[in-house]
């Protein structure tokens, strides 16, 4: 995916898949990939609030996995508030983000 332009949807999908796969065994590496993916989403697809919310949710989970629980909790709360405000309390994405707060 590295040879593709930053705006390539295939590149973004590949980065998200890499971040997810690394999260299983190497969460420290996954953290960097997910941060990069979030930065690209904000830069090129800032209008896609759902993609940003889901990527932030992955980032919060990864922060938890590497032991940064305080940072993870702050981000989980922020993501849940954004999802609830933009999508409503009964939306699947909102429920997913809220379930992360439960532990």
PDB file of N, CA and C in Angstrom:
ATOM      1  N   UNK A   1       0.799  -1.196   0.000  1.00  0.00           N
ATOM      2  CA  UNK A   1       0.000   0.000   0.000  1.00  0.00           C
ATOM      3  C   UNK A   1       0.843   1.261   0.000  1.00  0.00           C
ATOM      4  N   UNK A   2       2.108   1.145   0.338  1.00  0.00           N
ATOM      5  CA  UNK A   2       2.959   2.327   0.463  1.00  0.00           C
ATOM      6  C   UNK A   2       3.151   3.053  -0.859  1.00  0.00           C
ATOM      7  N   UNK A   3       3.089   2.364  -1.977  1.00  0.00           N
ATOM      8  CA  UNK A   3       3.289   3.000  -3.263  1.00  0.00           C
ATOM      9  C   UNK A   3       2.079   3.785  -3.747  1.00  0.00           C
ATOM     10  N   UNK A   4       0.974   3.626  -3.103  1.00  0.00           N
ATOM     11  CA  UNK A   4      -0.253   4.315  -3.510  1.00  0.00           C
ATOM     12  C   UNK A   4      -0.298   5.718  -2.896  1.00  0.00           C
ATOM     13  N   UNK A   5      -1.014   6.632  -3.540  1.00  0.00           N
ATOM     14  CA  UNK A   5      -1.143   7.969  -2.954  1.00  0.00           C
ATOM     15  C   UNK A   5      -1.925   7.928  -1.639  1.00  0.00           C
ATOM     16  N   UNK A   6      -1.690   8.910  -0.787  1.00  0.00           N
ATOM     17  CA  UNK A   6      -2.372   8.967   0.508  1.00  0.00           C
ATOM     18  C   UNK A   6      -3.880   8.975   0.373  1.00  0.00           C
ATOM     19  N   UNK A   7      -4.374   9.488  -0.729  1.00  0.00           N
ATOM     20  CA  UNK A   7      -5.820   9.599  -0.927  1.00  0.00           C
ATOM     21  C   UNK A   7      -6.453   8.314  -1.459  1.00  0.00           C
ATOM     22  N   UNK A   8      -5.662   7.280  -1.668  1.00  0.00           N
ATOM     23  CA  UNK A   8      -6.189   6.015  -2.178  1.00  0.00           C
ATOM     24  C   UNK A   8      -7.016   5.313  -1.114  1.00  0.00           C
ATOM     25  N   UNK A   9      -8.242   4.996  -1.478  1.00  0.00           N
ATOM     26  CA  UNK A   9      -9.096   4.258  -0.555  1.00  0.00           C
ATOM     27  C   UNK A   9      -8.523   2.892  -0.232  1.00  0.00           C
ATOM     28  N   UNK A  10      -7.883   2.250  -1.224  1.00  0.00           N
ATOM     29  CA  UNK A  10      -7.260   0.943  -0.991  1.00  0.00           C
ATOM     30  C   UNK A  10      -6.140   1.039   0.034  1.00  0.00           C
ATOM     31  N   UNK A  11      -5.380   2.104  -0.028  1.00  0.00           N
ATOM     32  CA  UNK A  11      -4.301   2.297   0.946  1.00  0.00           C
ATOM     33  C   UNK A  11      -4.874   2.426   2.350  1.00  0.00           C
ATOM     34  N   UNK A  12      -5.938   3.178   2.489  1.00  0.00           N
ATOM     35  CA  UNK A  12      -6.545   3.367   3.807  1.00  0.00           C
ATOM     36  C   UNK A  12      -7.116   2.069   4.354  1.00  0.00           C
ATOM     37  N   UNK A  13      -7.763   1.302   3.497  1.00  0.00           N
ATOM     38  CA  UNK A  13      -8.309   0.011   3.923  1.00  0.00           C
ATOM     39  C   UNK A  13      -7.168  -0.910   4.345  1.00  0.00           C
ATOM     40  N   UNK A  14      -6.069  -0.904   3.591  1.00  0.00           N
ATOM     41  CA  UNK A  14      -4.916  -1.744   3.927  1.00  0.00           C
ATOM     42  C   UNK A  14      -4.310  -1.327   5.265  1.00  0.00           C
ATOM     43  N   UNK A  15      -4.229  -0.034   5.504  1.00  0.00           N
ATOM     44  CA  UNK A  15      -3.682   0.442   6.778  1.00  0.00           C
ATOM     45  C   UNK A  15      -4.569   0.036   7.949  1.00  0.00           C
ATOM     46  N   UNK A  16      -5.872   0.133   7.750  1.00  0.00           N
ATOM     47  CA  UNK A  16      -6.791  -0.268   8.817  1.00  0.00           C
ATOM     48  C   UNK A  16      -6.667  -1.764   9.093  1.00  0.00           C
ATOM     49  N   UNK A  17      -6.551  -2.567   8.047  1.00  0.00           N
ATOM     50  CA  UNK A  17      -6.386  -4.012   8.222  1.00  0.00           C
ATOM     51  C   UNK A  17      -5.061  -4.321   8.927  1.00  0.00           C
ATOM     52  N   UNK A  18      -4.010  -3.609   8.565  1.00  0.00           N
ATOM     53  CA  UNK A  18      -2.714  -3.796   9.216  1.00  0.00           C
ATOM     54  C   UNK A  18      -2.794  -3.439  10.694  1.00  0.00           C
ATOM     55  N   UNK A  19      -3.423  -2.316  10.994  1.00  0.00           N
ATOM     56  CA  UNK A  19      -3.572  -1.904  12.394  1.00  0.00           C
ATOM     57  C   UNK A  19      -4.337  -2.928  13.202  1.00  0.00           C
ATOM     58  N   UNK A  20      -5.397  -3.465  12.625  1.00  0.00           N
ATOM     59  CA  UNK A  20      -6.201  -4.483  13.306  1.00  0.00           C
ATOM     60  C   UNK A  20      -5.380  -5.753  13.529  1.00  0.00           C
ATOM     61  N   UNK A  21      -4.661  -6.189  12.507  1.00  0.00           N
ATOM     62  CA  UNK A  21      -3.858  -7.410  12.617  1.00  0.00           C
ATOM     63  C   UNK A  21      -2.729  -7.246  13.634  1.00  0.00           C
ATOM     64  N   UNK A  22      -2.066  -6.114  13.612  1.00  0.00           N
ATOM     65  CA  UNK A  22      -0.977  -5.873  14.558  1.00  0.00           C
ATOM     66  C   UNK A  22      -1.495  -5.784  15.994  1.00  0.00           C
ATOM     67  N   UNK A  23      -2.715  -5.313  16.140  1.00  0.00           N
ATOM     68  CA  UNK A  23      -3.293  -5.172  17.471  1.00  0.00           C
ATOM     69  C   UNK A  23      -3.374  -6.482  18.220  1.00  0.00           C
ATOM     70  N   UNK A  24      -3.441  -7.581  17.496  1.00  0.00           N
ATOM     71  CA  UNK A  24      -3.521  -8.901  18.123  1.00  0.00           C
ATOM     72  C   UNK A  24      -2.220  -9.291  18.812  1.00  0.00           C
ATOM     73  N   UNK A  25      -1.095  -8.990  18.177  1.00  0.00           N
ATOM     74  CA  UNK A  25       0.181  -9.478  18.707  1.00  0.00           C
ATOM     75  C   UNK A  25       1.189  -8.377  19.041  1.00  0.00           C
ATOM     76  N   UNK A  26       1.058  -7.236  18.406  1.00  0.00           N
ATOM     77  CA  UNK A  26       2.026  -6.152  18.601  1.00  0.00           C
ATOM     78  C   UNK A  26       1.307  -4.814  18.736  1.00  0.00           C
ATOM     79  N   UNK A  27       0.610  -4.602  19.846  1.00  0.00           N
ATOM     80  CA  UNK A  27      -0.192  -3.392  19.988  1.00  0.00           C
ATOM     81  C   UNK A  27       0.608  -2.093  19.919  1.00  0.00           C
ATOM     82  N   UNK A  28       1.885  -2.121  20.286  1.00  0.00           N
ATOM     83  CA  UNK A  28       2.705  -0.904  20.195  1.00  0.00           C
ATOM     84  C   UNK A  28       2.855  -0.461  18.738  1.00  0.00           C
ATOM     85  N   UNK A  29       3.063  -1.438  17.858  1.00  0.00           N
ATOM     86  CA  UNK A  29       3.164  -1.138  16.422  1.00  0.00           C
ATOM     87  C   UNK A  29       1.801  -0.737  15.867  1.00  0.00           C
ATOM     88  N   UNK A  30       0.763  -1.408  16.326  1.00  0.00           N
ATOM     89  CA  UNK A  30      -0.589  -1.078  15.872  1.00  0.00           C
ATOM     90  C   UNK A  30      -0.942   0.356  16.222  1.00  0.00           C
ATOM     91  N   UNK A  31      -0.496   0.813  17.373  1.00  0.00           N
ATOM     92  CA  UNK A  31      -0.790   2.174  17.816  1.00  0.00           C
ATOM     93  C   UNK A  31      -0.312   3.194  16.791  1.00  0.00           C
ATOM     94  N   UNK A  32       0.893   3.013  16.281  1.00  0.00           N
ATOM     95  CA  UNK A  32       1.433   3.952  15.288  1.00  0.00           C
ATOM     96  C   UNK A  32       0.651   3.897  13.978  1.00  0.00           C
ATOM     97  N   UNK A  33       0.279   2.699  13.553  1.00  0.00           N
ATOM     98  CA  UNK A  33      -0.480   2.549  12.311  1.00  0.00           C
ATOM     99  C   UNK A  33      -1.862   3.200  12.454  1.00  0.00           C
ATOM    100  N   UNK A  34      -2.512   2.986  13.581  1.00  0.00           N
ATOM    101  CA  UNK A  34      -3.848   3.552  13.790  1.00  0.00           C
ATOM    102  C   UNK A  34      -3.778   5.074  13.893  1.00  0.00           C
ATOM    103  N   UNK A  35      -2.753   5.600  14.534  1.00  0.00           N
ATOM    104  CA  UNK A  35      -2.578   7.056  14.591  1.00  0.00           C
ATOM    105  C   UNK A  35      -2.415   7.637  13.189  1.00  0.00           C
ATOM    106  N   UNK A  36      -1.641   6.954  12.361  1.00  0.00           N
ATOM    107  CA  UNK A  36      -1.443   7.411  10.981  1.00  0.00           C
ATOM    108  C   UNK A  36      -2.751   7.345  10.200  1.00  0.00           C
ATOM    109  N   UNK A  37      -3.479   6.265  10.384  1.00  0.00           N
ATOM    110  CA  UNK A  37      -4.765   6.114   9.706  1.00  0.00           C
ATOM    111  C   UNK A  37      -5.730   7.220  10.123  1.00  0.00           C
ATOM    112  N   UNK A  38      -5.764   7.541  11.395  1.00  0.00           N
ATOM    113  CA  UNK A  38      -6.628   8.622  11.878  1.00  0.00           C
ATOM    114  C   UNK A  38      -6.219   9.966  11.284  1.00  0.00           C
ATOM    115  N   UNK A  39      -4.927  10.217  11.224  1.00  0.00           N
ATOM    116  CA  UNK A  39      -4.444  11.471  10.635  1.00  0.00           C
ATOM    117  C   UNK A  39      -4.861  11.587   9.167  1.00  0.00           C
ATOM    118  N   UNK A  40      -4.766  10.485   8.428  1.00  0.00           N
ATOM    119  CA  UNK A  40      -5.184  10.504   7.022  1.00  0.00           C
ATOM    120  C   UNK A  40      -6.686  10.724   6.896  1.00  0.00           C
ATOM    121  N   UNK A  41      -7.458  10.073   7.754  1.00  0.00           N
ATOM    122  CA  UNK A  41      -8.908  10.280   7.727  1.00  0.00           C
ATOM    123  C   UNK A  41      -9.249  11.741   7.992  1.00  0.00           C
ATOM    124  N   UNK A  42      -8.599  12.327   8.964  1.00  0.00           N
ATOM    125  CA  UNK A  42      -8.872  13.738   9.281  1.00  0.00           C
ATOM    126  C   UNK A  42      -8.432  14.659   8.143  1.00  0.00           C
ATOM    127  N   UNK A  43      -7.324  14.326   7.501  1.00  0.00           N
ATOM    128  CA  UNK A  43      -6.791  15.188   6.445  1.00  0.00           C
ATOM    129  C   UNK A  43      -7.618  15.122   5.163  1.00  0.00           C
ATOM    130  N   UNK A  44      -7.972  13.915   4.739  1.00  0.00           N
ATOM    131  CA  UNK A  44      -8.593  13.757   3.433  1.00  0.00           C
ATOM    132  C   UNK A  44     -10.079  13.437   3.463  1.00  0.00           C
ATOM    133  N   UNK A  45     -10.556  12.893   4.554  1.00  0.00           N
ATOM    134  CA  UNK A  45     -11.960  12.496   4.635  1.00  0.00           C
ATOM    135  C   UNK A  45     -12.615  13.055   5.895  1.00  0.00           C
ATOM    136  N   UNK A  46     -12.347  14.307   6.186  1.00  0.00           N
ATOM    137  CA  UNK A  46     -12.874  14.928   7.401  1.00  0.00           C
ATOM    138  C   UNK A  46     -14.403  14.977   7.400  1.00  0.00           C
ATOM    139  N   UNK A  47     -15.010  14.884   6.246  1.00  0.00           N
ATOM    140  CA  UNK A  47     -16.474  14.881   6.139  1.00  0.00           C
ATOM    141  C   UNK A  47     -17.080  13.540   6.566  1.00  0.00           C
ATOM    142  N   UNK A  48     -16.262  12.490   6.639  1.00  0.00           N
ATOM    143  CA  UNK A  48     -16.748  11.155   7.000  1.00  0.00           C
ATOM    144  C   UNK A  48     -16.601  10.944   8.510  1.00  0.00           C
ATOM    145  N   UNK A  49     -17.520  11.527   9.245  1.00  0.00           N
ATOM    146  CA  UNK A  49     -17.469  11.492  10.708  1.00  0.00           C
ATOM    147  C   UNK A  49     -17.495  10.064  11.235  1.00  0.00           C
ATOM    148  N   UNK A  50     -18.231   9.182  10.589  1.00  0.00           N
ATOM    149  CA  UNK A  50     -18.301   7.801  11.063  1.00  0.00           C
ATOM    150  C   UNK A  50     -16.937   7.117  10.981  1.00  0.00           C
ATOM    151  N   UNK A  51     -16.218   7.327   9.893  1.00  0.00           N
ATOM    152  CA  UNK A  51     -14.881   6.724   9.755  1.00  0.00           C
ATOM    153  C   UNK A  51     -13.940   7.250  10.829  1.00  0.00           C
ATOM    154  N   UNK A  52     -14.034   8.537  11.111  1.00  0.00           N
ATOM    155  CA  UNK A  52     -13.178   9.126  12.138  1.00  0.00           C
ATOM    156  C   UNK A  52     -13.542   8.574  13.509  1.00  0.00           C
ATOM    157  N   UNK A  53     -14.826   8.470  13.798  1.00  0.00           N
ATOM    158  CA  UNK A  53     -15.272   7.930  15.083  1.00  0.00           C
ATOM    159  C   UNK A  53     -14.783   6.490  15.247  1.00  0.00           C
ATOM    160  N   UNK A  54     -14.941   5.674  14.222  1.00  0.00           N
ATOM    161  CA  UNK A  54     -14.518   4.275  14.318  1.00  0.00           C
ATOM    162  C   UNK A  54     -13.003   4.143  14.476  1.00  0.00           C
ATOM    163  N   UNK A  55     -12.249   4.989  13.782  1.00  0.00           N
ATOM    164  CA  UNK A  55     -10.793   4.947  13.911  1.00  0.00           C
ATOM    165  C   UNK A  55     -10.363   5.420  15.302  1.00  0.00           C
ATOM    166  N   UNK A  56     -11.028   6.455  15.822  1.00  0.00           N
ATOM    167  CA  UNK A  56     -10.721   6.898  17.180  1.00  0.00           C
ATOM    168  C   UNK A  56     -11.062   5.804  18.187  1.00  0.00           C
ATOM    169  N   UNK A  57     -12.126   5.080  17.941  1.00  0.00           N
ATOM    170  CA  UNK A  57     -12.508   3.976  18.811  1.00  0.00           C
ATOM    171  C   UNK A  57     -11.422   2.896  18.815  1.00  0.00           C
ATOM    172  N   UNK A  58     -10.896   2.567  17.624  1.00  0.00           N
ATOM    173  CA  UNK A  58      -9.795   1.602  17.535  1.00  0.00           C
ATOM    174  C   UNK A  58      -8.561   2.114  18.275  1.00  0.00           C
ATOM    175  N   UNK A  59      -8.300   3.408  18.136  1.00  0.00           N
ATOM    176  CA  UNK A  59      -7.159   4.005  18.814  1.00  0.00           C
ATOM    177  C   UNK A  59      -7.318   3.907  20.327  1.00  0.00           C
ATOM    178  N   UNK A  60      -8.504   4.182  20.828  1.00  0.00           N
ATOM    179  CA  UNK A  60      -8.752   4.089  22.269  1.00  0.00           C
ATOM    180  C   UNK A  60      -8.541   2.664  22.761  1.00  0.00           C
ATOM    181  N   UNK A  61      -9.025   1.691  22.018  1.00  0.00           N
ATOM    182  CA  UNK A  61      -8.828   0.285  22.395  1.00  0.00           C
ATOM    183  C   UNK A  61      -7.348  -0.079  22.398  1.00  0.00           C
ATOM    184  N   UNK A  62      -6.616   0.427  21.425  1.00  0.00           N
ATOM    185  CA  UNK A  62      -5.183   0.145  21.338  1.00  0.00           C
ATOM    186  C   UNK A  62      -4.433   0.804  22.501  1.00  0.00           C
ATOM    187  N   UNK A  63      -4.824   2.015  22.848  1.00  0.00           N
ATOM    188  CA  UNK A  63      -4.214   2.683  24.006  1.00  0.00           C
ATOM    189  C   UNK A  63      -4.404   1.841  25.261  1.00  0.00           C
ATOM    190  N   UNK A  64      -5.588   1.288  25.414  1.00  0.00           N
ATOM    191  CA  UNK A  64      -5.851   0.405  26.544  1.00  0.00           C
ATOM    192  C   UNK A  64      -4.941  -0.826  26.492  1.00  0.00           C
ATOM    193  N   UNK A  65      -4.777  -1.395  25.304  1.00  0.00           N
ATOM    194  CA  UNK A  65      -3.969  -2.603  25.140  1.00  0.00           C
ATOM    195  C   UNK A  65      -2.496  -2.384  25.491  1.00  0.00           C
ATOM    196  N   UNK A  66      -2.005  -1.166  25.300  1.00  0.00           N
ATOM    197  CA  UNK A  66      -0.599  -0.884  25.632  1.00  0.00           C
ATOM    198  C   UNK A  66      -0.451  -0.334  27.050  1.00  0.00           C
ATOM    199  N   UNK A  67      -1.540  -0.335  27.806  1.00  0.00           N
ATOM    200  CA  UNK A  67      -1.468   0.071  29.205  1.00  0.00           C
ATOM    201  C   UNK A  67      -1.671   1.549  29.475  1.00  0.00           C
ATOM    202  N   UNK A  68      -2.083   2.297  28.472  1.00  0.00           N
ATOM    203  CA  UNK A  68      -2.338   3.727  28.659  1.00  0.00           C
ATOM    204  C   UNK A  68      -3.823   3.928  28.948  1.00  0.00           C
ATOM    205  N   UNK A  69      -4.237   3.384  30.084  1.00  0.00           N
ATOM    206  CA  UNK A  69      -5.658   3.337  30.421  1.00  0.00           C
ATOM    207  C   UNK A  69      -6.293   4.710  30.608  1.00  0.00           C
ATOM    208  N   UNK A  70      -5.573   5.649  31.209  1.00  0.00           N
ATOM    209  CA  UNK A  70      -6.142   6.986  31.399  1.00  0.00           C
ATOM    210  C   UNK A  70      -6.406   7.678  30.062  1.00  0.00           C
ATOM    211  N   UNK A  71      -5.430   7.583  29.149  1.00  0.00           N
ATOM    212  CA  UNK A  71      -5.613   8.160  27.810  1.00  0.00           C
ATOM    213  C   UNK A  71      -6.746   7.461  27.068  1.00  0.00           C
ATOM    214  N   UNK A  72      -6.802   6.139  27.211  1.00  0.00           N
ATOM    215  CA  UNK A  72      -7.846   5.368  26.544  1.00  0.00           C
ATOM    216  C   UNK A  72      -9.228   5.780  27.032  1.00  0.00           C
ATOM    217  N   UNK A  73      -9.386   5.917  28.341  1.00  0.00           N
ATOM    218  CA  UNK A  73     -10.681   6.282  28.901  1.00  0.00           C
ATOM    219  C   UNK A  73     -11.122   7.672  28.446  1.00  0.00           C
ATOM    220  N   UNK A  74     -10.197   8.616  28.444  1.00  0.00           N
ATOM    221  CA  UNK A  74     -10.535   9.969  27.966  1.00  0.00           C
ATOM    222  C   UNK A  74     -11.003   9.932  26.516  1.00  0.00           C
ATOM    223  N   UNK A  75     -10.278   9.205  25.675  1.00  0.00           N
ATOM    224  CA  UNK A  75     -10.647   9.133  24.260  1.00  0.00           C
ATOM    225  C   UNK A  75     -11.952   8.373  24.080  1.00  0.00           C
ATOM    226  N   UNK A  76     -12.166   7.304  24.830  1.00  0.00           N
ATOM    227  CA  UNK A  76     -13.424   6.558  24.730  1.00  0.00           C
ATOM    228  C   UNK A  76     -14.618   7.438  25.078  1.00  0.00           C
ATOM    229  N   UNK A  77     -14.471   8.252  26.105  1.00  0.00           N
ATOM    230  CA  UNK A  77     -15.557   9.165  26.488  1.00  0.00           C
ATOM    231  C   UNK A  77     -15.824  10.184  25.395  1.00  0.00           C
ATOM    232  N   UNK A  78     -14.747  10.726  24.821  1.00  0.00           N
ATOM    233  CA  UNK A  78     -14.884  11.715  23.740  1.00  0.00           C
ATOM    234  C   UNK A  78     -15.559  11.103  22.521  1.00  0.00           C
ATOM    235  N   UNK A  79     -15.137   9.905  22.163  1.00  0.00           N
ATOM    236  CA  UNK A  79     -15.683   9.226  20.984  1.00  0.00           C
ATOM    237  C   UNK A  79     -17.159   8.898  21.194  1.00  0.00           C
ATOM    238  N   UNK A  80     -17.492   8.413  22.382  1.00  0.00           N
ATOM    239  CA  UNK A  80     -18.891   8.092  22.672  1.00  0.00           C
ATOM    240  C   UNK A  80     -19.758   9.352  22.590  1.00  0.00           C
ATOM    241  N   UNK A  81     -19.276  10.449  23.149  1.00  0.00           N
ATOM    242  CA  UNK A  81     -20.036  11.707  23.102  1.00  0.00           C
ATOM    243  C   UNK A  81     -20.243  12.169  21.661  1.00  0.00           C
ATOM    244  N   UNK A  82     -19.203  12.068  20.828  1.00  0.00           N
ATOM    245  CA  UNK A  82     -19.331  12.450  19.413  1.00  0.00           C
ATOM    246  C   UNK A  82     -20.337  11.556  18.695  1.00  0.00           C
ATOM    247  N   UNK A  83     -20.226  10.262  18.925  1.00  0.00           N
ATOM    248  CA  UNK A  83     -21.126   9.321  18.255  1.00  0.00           C
ATOM    249  C   UNK A  83     -22.567   9.565  18.673  1.00  0.00           C
ATOM    250  N   UNK A  84     -22.776   9.771  19.951  1.00  0.00           N
ATOM    251  CA  UNK A  84     -24.137   9.995  20.447  1.00  0.00           C
ATOM    252  C   UNK A  84     -24.718  11.290  19.889  1.00  0.00           C
ATOM    253  N   UNK A  85     -23.899  12.336  19.830  1.00  0.00           N
ATOM    254  CA  UNK A  85     -24.370  13.625  19.318  1.00  0.00           C
ATOM    255  C   UNK A  85     -24.668  13.579  17.821  1.00  0.00           C
ATOM    256  N   UNK A  86     -23.847  12.857  17.074  1.00  0.00           N
ATOM    257  CA  UNK A  86     -24.019  12.878  15.618  1.00  0.00           C
ATOM    258  C   UNK A  86     -24.918  11.753  15.096  1.00  0.00           C
ATOM    259  N   UNK A  87     -25.021  10.652  15.819  1.00  0.00           N
ATOM    260  CA  UNK A  87     -25.733   9.497  15.289  1.00  0.00           C
ATOM    261  C   UNK A  87     -26.916   9.052  16.141  1.00  0.00           C
ATOM    262  N   UNK A  88     -26.993   9.550  17.375  1.00  0.00           N
ATOM    263  CA  UNK A  88     -28.090   9.166  18.257  1.00  0.00           C
ATOM    264  C   UNK A  88     -27.702   8.003  19.157  1.00  0.00           C
ATOM    265  N   UNK A  89     -28.445   7.836  20.232  1.00  0.00           N
ATOM    266  CA  UNK A  89     -28.076   6.835  21.237  1.00  0.00           C
ATOM    267  C   UNK A  89     -28.385   5.396  20.840  1.00  0.00           C
ATOM    268  N   UNK A  90     -29.231   5.187  19.853  1.00  0.00           N
ATOM    269  CA  UNK A  90     -29.580   3.813  19.468  1.00  0.00           C
ATOM    270  C   UNK A  90     -28.842   3.336  18.213  1.00  0.00           C
ATOM    271  N   UNK A  91     -27.926   4.150  17.695  1.00  0.00           N
ATOM    272  CA  UNK A  91     -27.147   3.771  16.511  1.00  0.00           C
ATOM    273  C   UNK A  91     -26.112   2.704  16.876  1.00  0.00           C
ATOM    274  N   UNK A  92     -25.838   1.797  15.944  1.00  0.00           N
ATOM    275  CA  UNK A  92     -24.882   0.707  16.188  1.00  0.00           C
ATOM    276  C   UNK A  92     -23.490   1.225  16.567  1.00  0.00           C
ATOM    277  N   UNK A  93     -23.014   2.253  15.878  1.00  0.00           N
ATOM    278  CA  UNK A  93     -21.708   2.809  16.181  1.00  0.00           C
ATOM    279  C   UNK A  93     -21.682   3.387  17.587  1.00  0.00           C
ATOM    280  N   UNK A  94     -22.730   4.098  17.967  1.00  0.00           N
ATOM    281  CA  UNK A  94     -22.815   4.672  19.299  1.00  0.00           C
ATOM    282  C   UNK A  94     -22.820   3.569  20.359  1.00  0.00           C
ATOM    283  N   UNK A  95     -23.577   2.520  20.107  1.00  0.00           N
ATOM    284  CA  UNK A  95     -23.631   1.405  21.049  1.00  0.00           C
ATOM    285  C   UNK A  95     -22.257   0.738  21.174  1.00  0.00           C
ATOM    286  N   UNK A  96     -21.570   0.555  20.065  1.00  0.00           N
ATOM    287  CA  UNK A  96     -20.235  -0.016  20.098  1.00  0.00           C
ATOM    288  C   UNK A  96     -19.301   0.845  20.943  1.00  0.00           C
ATOM    289  N   UNK A  97     -19.333   2.143  20.703  1.00  0.00           N
ATOM    290  CA  UNK A  97     -18.456   3.063  21.461  1.00  0.00           C
ATOM    291  C   UNK A  97     -18.829   3.065  22.937  1.00  0.00           C
ATOM    292  N   UNK A  98     -20.101   3.010  23.237  1.00  0.00           N
ATOM    293  CA  UNK A  98     -20.546   2.972  24.628  1.00  0.00           C
ATOM    294  C   UNK A  98     -20.151   1.680  25.314  1.00  0.00           C
ATOM    295  N   UNK A  99     -20.168   0.574  24.589  1.00  0.00           N
ATOM    296  CA  UNK A  99     -19.806  -0.711  25.187  1.00  0.00           C
ATOM    297  C   UNK A  99     -18.342  -0.727  25.609  1.00  0.00           C
ATOM    298  N   UNK A 100     -17.498   0.036  24.919  1.00  0.00           N
ATOM    299  CA  UNK A 100     -16.087   0.121  25.308  1.00  0.00           C
ATOM    300  C   UNK A 100     -15.922   0.787  26.665  1.00  0.00           C
ATOM    301  N   UNK A 101     -16.816   1.678  26.998  1.00  0.00           N
ATOM    302  CA  UNK A 101     -16.744   2.341  28.301  1.00  0.00           C
ATOM    303  C   UNK A 101     -17.094   1.387  29.440  1.00  0.00           C
ATOM    304  N   UNK A 102     -17.855   0.359  29.128  1.00  0.00           N
ATOM    305  CA  UNK A 102     -18.261  -0.610  30.155  1.00  0.00           C
ATOM    306  C   UNK A 102     -17.148  -1.593  30.500  1.00  0.00           C
ATOM    307  N   UNK A 103     -16.151  -1.661  29.660  1.00  0.00           N
ATOM    308  CA  UNK A 103     -15.024  -2.450  30.018  1.00  0.00           C
ATOM    309  C   UNK A 103     -14.780  -3.705  29.351  1.00  0.00           C
TER     310      UNK A 103
END
